[in-house]
């Protein structure tokens, strides 16, 4: 993952351990309104990884049996709902009250 400092456009690469390559298959991400959390679709678990934006550590994993290969993700502006689309299952999931 790469973070970009908007003020000076400098970037910093964050490298996960090579063992993670078998565990994670990140697709898309959204940032919580307060900037403290990242919500990232992970096709390997058919769900979402909730990560700390400061440490890039997984805080929580949310998964569904009905969503296959989740790639799309969107969040309401007030963080009241998160929407995930499943590429292989042709459906979507919604999580309420995530803030």
N, C-alpha and C. Protein backbone atom coordinates (compact mmCIF):
# COMPACT_ATOMS: atom_id res chain seq x y z
N UNK A 1 0.84 -1.17 0.00
CA UNK A 1 0.00 0.00 0.00
C UNK A 1 0.89 1.23 0.00
N UNK A 2 0.36 2.28 -0.59
CA UNK A 2 1.09 3.54 -0.64
C UNK A 2 0.20 4.63 -0.06
N UNK A 3 0.77 5.45 0.82
CA UNK A 3 0.06 6.63 1.32
C UNK A 3 0.71 7.87 0.70
N UNK A 4 -0.12 8.84 0.41
CA UNK A 4 0.36 10.07 -0.21
C UNK A 4 0.01 11.24 0.71
N UNK A 5 1.00 12.05 1.02
CA UNK A 5 0.80 13.27 1.80
C UNK A 5 0.29 14.32 0.82
N UNK A 6 -0.95 14.74 1.01
CA UNK A 6 -1.58 15.68 0.09
C UNK A 6 -0.86 17.02 0.08
N UNK A 7 -0.33 17.46 1.21
CA UNK A 7 0.31 18.77 1.31
C UNK A 7 1.53 18.90 0.40
N UNK A 8 2.39 17.88 0.41
CA UNK A 8 3.62 17.99 -0.39
C UNK A 8 3.75 16.91 -1.47
N UNK A 9 2.73 16.09 -1.60
CA UNK A 9 2.68 15.00 -2.60
C UNK A 9 3.79 13.97 -2.44
N UNK A 10 4.36 13.90 -1.24
CA UNK A 10 5.33 12.83 -0.99
C UNK A 10 4.57 11.53 -0.74
N UNK A 11 5.21 10.41 -0.99
CA UNK A 11 4.55 9.11 -0.81
C UNK A 11 5.41 8.19 0.04
N UNK A 12 4.73 7.24 0.66
CA UNK A 12 5.41 6.25 1.47
C UNK A 12 4.79 4.89 1.20
N UNK A 13 5.64 3.92 0.89
CA UNK A 13 5.16 2.57 0.62
C UNK A 13 5.15 1.76 1.91
N UNK A 14 4.06 1.05 2.12
CA UNK A 14 3.91 0.17 3.28
C UNK A 14 3.86 -1.26 2.74
N UNK A 15 4.84 -2.06 3.07
CA UNK A 15 4.95 -3.41 2.53
C UNK A 15 4.48 -4.41 3.58
N UNK A 16 3.56 -5.25 3.18
CA UNK A 16 3.10 -6.32 4.05
C UNK A 16 4.08 -7.49 3.97
N UNK A 17 4.15 -8.31 5.00
CA UNK A 17 5.03 -9.49 4.94
C UNK A 17 4.68 -10.37 3.75
N UNK A 18 5.67 -11.02 3.17
CA UNK A 18 5.44 -11.85 1.98
C UNK A 18 4.44 -12.97 2.26
N UNK A 19 4.35 -13.41 3.51
CA UNK A 19 3.39 -14.47 3.85
C UNK A 19 1.95 -14.01 3.67
N UNK A 20 1.71 -12.70 3.66
CA UNK A 20 0.36 -12.17 3.47
C UNK A 20 -0.14 -12.41 2.05
N UNK A 21 0.75 -12.63 1.11
CA UNK A 21 0.35 -12.81 -0.29
C UNK A 21 -0.64 -13.96 -0.45
N UNK A 22 -0.54 -14.97 0.40
CA UNK A 22 -1.46 -16.09 0.34
C UNK A 22 -2.77 -15.79 1.08
N UNK A 23 -2.75 -14.77 1.92
CA UNK A 23 -3.90 -14.50 2.78
C UNK A 23 -4.79 -13.36 2.30
N UNK A 24 -4.22 -12.38 1.62
CA UNK A 24 -5.00 -11.21 1.24
C UNK A 24 -5.03 -11.00 -0.27
N UNK A 25 -6.13 -10.50 -0.74
CA UNK A 25 -6.31 -10.17 -2.15
C UNK A 25 -7.14 -8.88 -2.19
N UNK A 26 -6.50 -7.76 -1.80
CA UNK A 26 -7.20 -6.49 -1.71
C UNK A 26 -7.65 -6.01 -3.08
N UNK A 27 -8.86 -5.44 -3.11
CA UNK A 27 -9.42 -4.94 -4.35
C UNK A 27 -9.60 -3.42 -4.31
N UNK A 28 -10.52 -2.93 -3.47
CA UNK A 28 -10.79 -1.49 -3.37
C UNK A 28 -10.91 -1.09 -1.91
N UNK A 29 -10.72 0.20 -1.65
CA UNK A 29 -10.78 0.70 -0.27
C UNK A 29 -11.55 2.01 -0.20
N UNK A 30 -12.13 2.24 0.98
CA UNK A 30 -12.70 3.54 1.33
C UNK A 30 -12.18 3.90 2.71
N UNK A 31 -12.13 5.19 2.97
CA UNK A 31 -11.64 5.71 4.24
C UNK A 31 -12.83 6.20 5.06
N UNK A 32 -12.81 5.91 6.36
CA UNK A 32 -13.87 6.41 7.23
C UNK A 32 -13.83 7.94 7.24
N UNK A 33 -14.97 8.58 7.51
CA UNK A 33 -15.01 10.05 7.50
C UNK A 33 -13.99 10.70 8.44
N UNK A 34 -13.67 10.07 9.56
CA UNK A 34 -12.70 10.66 10.48
C UNK A 34 -11.26 10.30 10.13
N UNK A 35 -11.06 9.48 9.09
CA UNK A 35 -9.73 9.12 8.62
C UNK A 35 -9.01 8.07 9.45
N UNK A 36 -9.68 7.48 10.41
CA UNK A 36 -9.01 6.52 11.30
C UNK A 36 -9.04 5.08 10.81
N UNK A 37 -9.95 4.76 9.91
CA UNK A 37 -10.12 3.38 9.47
C UNK A 37 -10.12 3.28 7.95
N UNK A 38 -9.62 2.15 7.46
CA UNK A 38 -9.73 1.80 6.04
C UNK A 38 -10.63 0.58 5.96
N UNK A 39 -11.54 0.57 5.00
CA UNK A 39 -12.40 -0.57 4.75
C UNK A 39 -12.02 -1.08 3.36
N UNK A 40 -11.47 -2.29 3.30
CA UNK A 40 -10.87 -2.80 2.07
C UNK A 40 -11.52 -4.13 1.70
N UNK A 41 -12.04 -4.22 0.48
CA UNK A 41 -12.58 -5.51 0.04
C UNK A 41 -11.43 -6.49 -0.18
N UNK A 42 -11.66 -7.72 0.24
CA UNK A 42 -10.66 -8.78 0.13
C UNK A 42 -11.33 -9.98 -0.53
N UNK A 43 -10.94 -10.26 -1.76
CA UNK A 43 -11.57 -11.34 -2.52
C UNK A 43 -11.26 -12.72 -1.94
N UNK A 44 -10.17 -12.88 -1.20
CA UNK A 44 -9.84 -14.18 -0.64
C UNK A 44 -10.76 -14.60 0.50
N UNK A 45 -11.31 -13.66 1.23
CA UNK A 45 -12.19 -14.00 2.34
C UNK A 45 -13.65 -13.72 2.04
N UNK A 46 -13.94 -13.23 0.85
CA UNK A 46 -15.30 -12.84 0.48
C UNK A 46 -15.85 -11.85 1.50
N UNK A 47 -15.09 -10.80 1.74
CA UNK A 47 -15.53 -9.81 2.72
C UNK A 47 -14.70 -8.56 2.73
N UNK A 48 -14.68 -7.93 3.90
CA UNK A 48 -14.03 -6.65 4.08
C UNK A 48 -13.07 -6.72 5.25
N UNK A 49 -11.89 -6.16 5.07
CA UNK A 49 -10.91 -6.00 6.15
C UNK A 49 -11.04 -4.57 6.66
N UNK A 50 -11.20 -4.42 7.96
CA UNK A 50 -11.22 -3.11 8.59
C UNK A 50 -9.84 -2.91 9.19
N UNK A 51 -9.14 -1.87 8.71
CA UNK A 51 -7.76 -1.65 9.14
C UNK A 51 -7.60 -0.28 9.77
N UNK A 52 -6.65 -0.18 10.68
CA UNK A 52 -6.26 1.11 11.24
C UNK A 52 -5.50 1.88 10.16
N UNK A 53 -5.89 3.11 9.92
CA UNK A 53 -5.19 3.93 8.93
C UNK A 53 -3.80 4.34 9.43
N UNK A 54 -3.60 4.33 10.72
CA UNK A 54 -2.31 4.73 11.29
C UNK A 54 -1.29 3.60 11.27
N UNK A 55 -1.75 2.37 11.53
CA UNK A 55 -0.81 1.24 11.68
C UNK A 55 -0.91 0.20 10.58
N UNK A 56 -1.96 0.25 9.78
CA UNK A 56 -2.25 -0.75 8.74
C UNK A 56 -2.41 -2.15 9.33
N UNK A 57 -2.86 -2.25 10.54
CA UNK A 57 -3.17 -3.54 11.17
C UNK A 57 -4.66 -3.80 11.03
N UNK A 58 -5.00 -5.07 10.78
CA UNK A 58 -6.40 -5.46 10.66
C UNK A 58 -7.04 -5.42 12.05
N UNK A 59 -8.13 -4.69 12.15
CA UNK A 59 -8.88 -4.56 13.40
C UNK A 59 -10.03 -5.55 13.44
N UNK A 60 -10.65 -5.75 12.27
CA UNK A 60 -11.81 -6.62 12.19
C UNK A 60 -11.92 -7.16 10.78
N UNK A 61 -12.49 -8.35 10.65
CA UNK A 61 -12.76 -8.95 9.35
C UNK A 61 -14.25 -9.25 9.27
N UNK A 62 -14.90 -8.79 8.22
CA UNK A 62 -16.32 -9.03 7.99
C UNK A 62 -16.46 -9.87 6.73
N UNK A 63 -17.18 -10.97 6.80
CA UNK A 63 -17.32 -11.81 5.61
C UNK A 63 -18.75 -12.34 5.48
N UNK A 64 -19.09 -12.71 4.26
CA UNK A 64 -20.42 -13.23 3.92
C UNK A 64 -20.26 -14.43 3.02
N UNK A 65 -21.14 -15.41 3.18
CA UNK A 65 -21.09 -16.58 2.30
C UNK A 65 -21.76 -16.28 0.96
N UNK A 66 -22.62 -15.28 0.91
CA UNK A 66 -23.36 -14.98 -0.32
C UNK A 66 -22.62 -14.03 -1.27
N UNK A 67 -21.57 -13.38 -0.79
CA UNK A 67 -20.79 -12.47 -1.64
C UNK A 67 -19.56 -13.22 -2.14
N UNK A 68 -19.41 -13.28 -3.45
CA UNK A 68 -18.27 -13.96 -4.03
C UNK A 68 -17.40 -12.96 -4.79
N UNK A 69 -16.12 -12.94 -4.46
CA UNK A 69 -15.14 -12.04 -5.06
C UNK A 69 -15.58 -10.58 -4.94
N UNK A 70 -15.65 -10.05 -3.71
CA UNK A 70 -16.05 -8.66 -3.53
C UNK A 70 -15.00 -7.70 -4.07
N UNK A 71 -15.44 -6.78 -4.91
CA UNK A 71 -14.49 -5.82 -5.48
C UNK A 71 -14.91 -4.38 -5.24
N UNK A 72 -16.19 -4.09 -5.33
CA UNK A 72 -16.65 -2.72 -5.19
C UNK A 72 -16.99 -2.40 -3.75
N UNK A 73 -16.75 -1.14 -3.35
CA UNK A 73 -17.07 -0.72 -1.99
C UNK A 73 -17.39 0.77 -2.00
N UNK A 74 -18.41 1.15 -1.24
CA UNK A 74 -18.79 2.55 -1.09
C UNK A 74 -19.33 2.75 0.31
N UNK A 75 -19.19 3.99 0.80
CA UNK A 75 -19.65 4.30 2.15
C UNK A 75 -20.52 5.55 2.11
N UNK A 76 -21.59 5.55 2.91
CA UNK A 76 -22.39 6.76 3.07
C UNK A 76 -21.50 7.84 3.68
N UNK A 77 -21.76 9.09 3.37
CA UNK A 77 -20.95 10.19 3.89
C UNK A 77 -20.89 10.23 5.41
N UNK A 78 -21.98 9.85 6.06
CA UNK A 78 -22.02 9.88 7.52
C UNK A 78 -21.60 8.55 8.14
N UNK A 79 -21.08 7.64 7.34
CA UNK A 79 -20.61 6.31 7.77
C UNK A 79 -21.73 5.46 8.36
N UNK A 80 -22.97 5.72 7.98
CA UNK A 80 -24.08 4.93 8.50
C UNK A 80 -24.26 3.61 7.76
N UNK A 81 -23.66 3.48 6.60
CA UNK A 81 -23.79 2.23 5.84
C UNK A 81 -22.58 2.04 4.92
N UNK A 82 -22.26 0.78 4.70
CA UNK A 82 -21.18 0.39 3.81
C UNK A 82 -21.77 -0.58 2.80
N UNK A 83 -21.45 -0.42 1.52
CA UNK A 83 -21.99 -1.25 0.46
C UNK A 83 -20.85 -2.00 -0.22
N UNK A 84 -21.03 -3.30 -0.44
CA UNK A 84 -20.01 -4.14 -1.06
C UNK A 84 -20.65 -4.89 -2.22
N UNK A 85 -19.99 -4.90 -3.37
CA UNK A 85 -20.51 -5.65 -4.52
C UNK A 85 -19.68 -6.90 -4.75
N UNK A 86 -20.37 -7.98 -5.11
CA UNK A 86 -19.72 -9.25 -5.41
C UNK A 86 -19.63 -9.46 -6.90
N UNK A 87 -18.42 -9.56 -7.43
CA UNK A 87 -18.21 -9.71 -8.87
C UNK A 87 -18.73 -11.05 -9.37
N UNK A 88 -18.36 -12.14 -8.72
CA UNK A 88 -18.76 -13.48 -9.19
C UNK A 88 -20.18 -13.85 -8.77
N UNK A 89 -20.71 -13.22 -7.73
CA UNK A 89 -22.05 -13.57 -7.27
C UNK A 89 -23.13 -12.64 -7.82
N UNK A 90 -22.72 -11.57 -8.50
CA UNK A 90 -23.67 -10.61 -9.10
C UNK A 90 -24.67 -10.07 -8.08
N UNK A 91 -24.18 -9.73 -6.88
CA UNK A 91 -25.05 -9.18 -5.86
C UNK A 91 -24.29 -8.17 -5.03
N UNK A 92 -24.94 -7.66 -4.00
CA UNK A 92 -24.27 -6.71 -3.12
C UNK A 92 -24.74 -6.92 -1.69
N UNK A 93 -23.93 -6.47 -0.77
CA UNK A 93 -24.25 -6.54 0.66
C UNK A 93 -24.22 -5.13 1.22
N UNK A 94 -24.95 -4.92 2.31
CA UNK A 94 -24.96 -3.63 2.97
C UNK A 94 -24.77 -3.85 4.46
N UNK A 95 -23.91 -3.05 5.08
CA UNK A 95 -23.71 -3.07 6.52
C UNK A 95 -24.24 -1.74 7.05
N UNK A 96 -25.11 -1.80 8.03
CA UNK A 96 -25.67 -0.58 8.65
C UNK A 96 -24.89 -0.19 9.88
N UNK A 97 -24.90 1.10 10.19
CA UNK A 97 -24.35 1.66 11.43
C UNK A 97 -22.92 1.20 11.72
N UNK A 98 -22.02 1.48 10.81
CA UNK A 98 -20.63 1.07 11.01
C UNK A 98 -19.83 2.08 11.77
N UNK A 99 -20.38 3.28 12.01
CA UNK A 99 -19.60 4.32 12.69
C UNK A 99 -19.54 4.09 14.18
